[in-house]
């Protein structure tokens, strides 16, 4: 049997976006990096997520190609000004 292990916990439910801040706190995330596409931004979902995250400093990478299976990690890291050490 194939198994996939993620380093994050994923929650699916109506209104689950309200759990975003608590999930960041649970995981020790102080500067969330949101990777998305411009369609999600245009639909207003990023704004809802940022609101749910409150005063956490959010970095956004919104240039993920639609239905992209590959996005260079270096581009994402530069957009979020992350150095891979949580700083």
C-alpha atoms as a PDB file:
ATOM      1  CA  UNK A   1       0.000   0.000   0.000  1.00  0.00           C
ATOM      2  CA  UNK A   2       1.294   3.445  -0.879  1.00  0.00           C
ATOM      3  CA  UNK A   3       1.326   6.036   1.869  1.00  0.00           C
ATOM      4  CA  UNK A   4       1.826   9.773   1.739  1.00  0.00           C
ATOM      5  CA  UNK A   5       3.026  11.572   4.832  1.00  0.00           C
ATOM      6  CA  UNK A   6       2.768  15.326   5.039  1.00  0.00           C
ATOM      7  CA  UNK A   7       4.530  17.581   7.503  1.00  0.00           C
ATOM      8  CA  UNK A   8       1.306  19.520   7.973  1.00  0.00           C
ATOM      9  CA  UNK A   9      -2.150  18.610   9.127  1.00  0.00           C
ATOM     10  CA  UNK A  10      -4.876  19.343   6.585  1.00  0.00           C
ATOM     11  CA  UNK A  11      -8.410  20.116   7.758  1.00  0.00           C
ATOM     12  CA  UNK A  12     -11.427  20.015   5.466  1.00  0.00           C
ATOM     13  CA  UNK A  13     -14.705  21.483   6.674  1.00  0.00           C
ATOM     14  CA  UNK A  14     -17.073  24.356   6.034  1.00  0.00           C
ATOM     15  CA  UNK A  15     -15.527  27.424   7.642  1.00  0.00           C
ATOM     16  CA  UNK A  16     -12.177  25.699   8.265  1.00  0.00           C
ATOM     17  CA  UNK A  17     -10.407  28.899   7.205  1.00  0.00           C
ATOM     18  CA  UNK A  18     -11.238  30.224  10.683  1.00  0.00           C
ATOM     19  CA  UNK A  19      -8.763  27.650  12.065  1.00  0.00           C
ATOM     20  CA  UNK A  20      -5.809  29.040  10.078  1.00  0.00           C
ATOM     21  CA  UNK A  21      -4.299  31.145  12.863  1.00  0.00           C
ATOM     22  CA  UNK A  22      -4.670  28.427  15.494  1.00  0.00           C
ATOM     23  CA  UNK A  23      -3.085  25.915  13.108  1.00  0.00           C
ATOM     24  CA  UNK A  24      -0.130  28.240  12.506  1.00  0.00           C
ATOM     25  CA  UNK A  25       0.300  28.643  16.254  1.00  0.00           C
ATOM     26  CA  UNK A  26       0.032  24.869  16.786  1.00  0.00           C
ATOM     27  CA  UNK A  27       2.739  24.251  14.184  1.00  0.00           C
ATOM     28  CA  UNK A  28       4.985  27.095  15.388  1.00  0.00           C
ATOM     29  CA  UNK A  29       4.586  29.068  12.153  1.00  0.00           C
ATOM     30  CA  UNK A  30       5.349  32.739  12.812  1.00  0.00           C
ATOM     31  CA  UNK A  31       5.560  33.951   9.193  1.00  0.00           C
ATOM     32  CA  UNK A  32       3.205  31.958   6.956  1.00  0.00           C
ATOM     33  CA  UNK A  33       4.072  31.782   3.266  1.00  0.00           C
ATOM     34  CA  UNK A  34       0.940  31.400   1.137  1.00  0.00           C
ATOM     35  CA  UNK A  35       1.480  29.895  -2.330  1.00  0.00           C
ATOM     36  CA  UNK A  36      -1.481  30.375  -4.646  1.00  0.00           C
ATOM     37  CA  UNK A  37      -2.520  31.494  -8.098  1.00  0.00           C
ATOM     38  CA  UNK A  38      -4.048  34.755  -9.228  1.00  0.00           C
ATOM     39  CA  UNK A  39      -7.484  33.169  -9.675  1.00  0.00           C
ATOM     40  CA  UNK A  40      -7.679  32.408  -5.958  1.00  0.00           C
ATOM     41  CA  UNK A  41      -6.604  35.973  -5.208  1.00  0.00           C
ATOM     42  CA  UNK A  42      -9.194  37.385  -7.648  1.00  0.00           C
ATOM     43  CA  UNK A  43     -11.908  35.277  -6.004  1.00  0.00           C
ATOM     44  CA  UNK A  44     -11.183  36.977  -2.671  1.00  0.00           C
ATOM     45  CA  UNK A  45     -10.015  33.826  -0.904  1.00  0.00           C
ATOM     46  CA  UNK A  46      -6.572  35.185  -0.077  1.00  0.00           C
ATOM     47  CA  UNK A  47      -8.170  38.195   1.581  1.00  0.00           C
ATOM     48  CA  UNK A  48     -10.314  35.869   3.704  1.00  0.00           C
ATOM     49  CA  UNK A  49      -7.235  33.861   4.717  1.00  0.00           C
ATOM     50  CA  UNK A  50      -5.246  36.981   5.604  1.00  0.00           C
ATOM     51  CA  UNK A  51      -8.162  38.168   7.720  1.00  0.00           C
ATOM     52  CA  UNK A  52      -8.291  34.808   9.522  1.00  0.00           C
ATOM     53  CA  UNK A  53      -4.533  34.984  10.202  1.00  0.00           C
ATOM     54  CA  UNK A  54      -4.934  38.327  11.961  1.00  0.00           C
ATOM     55  CA  UNK A  55      -1.691  40.166  12.658  1.00  0.00           C
ATOM     56  CA  UNK A  56       0.662  37.395  11.509  1.00  0.00           C
ATOM     57  CA  UNK A  57       3.053  38.756   8.843  1.00  0.00           C
ATOM     58  CA  UNK A  58       2.002  36.877   5.702  1.00  0.00           C
ATOM     59  CA  UNK A  59       4.207  36.520   2.621  1.00  0.00           C
ATOM     60  CA  UNK A  60       2.328  35.721  -0.593  1.00  0.00           C
ATOM     61  CA  UNK A  61       3.512  34.003  -3.760  1.00  0.00           C
ATOM     62  CA  UNK A  62       0.607  34.421  -6.225  1.00  0.00           C
ATOM     63  CA  UNK A  63       2.353  33.419  -9.432  1.00  0.00           C
ATOM     64  CA  UNK A  64       1.742  29.687  -9.249  1.00  0.00           C
ATOM     65  CA  UNK A  65       0.593  28.614 -12.725  1.00  0.00           C
ATOM     66  CA  UNK A  66      -2.919  27.255 -12.869  1.00  0.00           C
ATOM     67  CA  UNK A  67      -2.906  23.448 -12.508  1.00  0.00           C
ATOM     68  CA  UNK A  68       0.851  23.467 -12.110  1.00  0.00           C
ATOM     69  CA  UNK A  69       2.510  20.319 -10.855  1.00  0.00           C
ATOM     70  CA  UNK A  70       5.891  22.040 -10.676  1.00  0.00           C
ATOM     71  CA  UNK A  71       6.826  25.461  -9.383  1.00  0.00           C
ATOM     72  CA  UNK A  72      10.486  26.289  -8.703  1.00  0.00           C
ATOM     73  CA  UNK A  73      10.927  26.450  -4.943  1.00  0.00           C
ATOM     74  CA  UNK A  74      13.599  29.131  -5.286  1.00  0.00           C
ATOM     75  CA  UNK A  75      11.020  31.502  -6.838  1.00  0.00           C
ATOM     76  CA  UNK A  76       8.619  30.883  -3.960  1.00  0.00           C
ATOM     77  CA  UNK A  77      11.307  31.345  -1.312  1.00  0.00           C
ATOM     78  CA  UNK A  78      12.450  34.633  -2.862  1.00  0.00           C
ATOM     79  CA  UNK A  79       8.868  35.913  -2.956  1.00  0.00           C
ATOM     80  CA  UNK A  80       8.464  35.201   0.741  1.00  0.00           C
ATOM     81  CA  UNK A  81      11.993  36.336   1.597  1.00  0.00           C
ATOM     82  CA  UNK A  82      12.487  33.023   3.383  1.00  0.00           C
ATOM     83  CA  UNK A  83      15.922  31.532   3.783  1.00  0.00           C
ATOM     84  CA  UNK A  84      14.773  27.998   4.619  1.00  0.00           C
ATOM     85  CA  UNK A  85      15.551  28.490   8.317  1.00  0.00           C
ATOM     86  CA  UNK A  86      12.259  30.079   9.338  1.00  0.00           C
ATOM     87  CA  UNK A  87      13.818  33.533   9.325  1.00  0.00           C
END
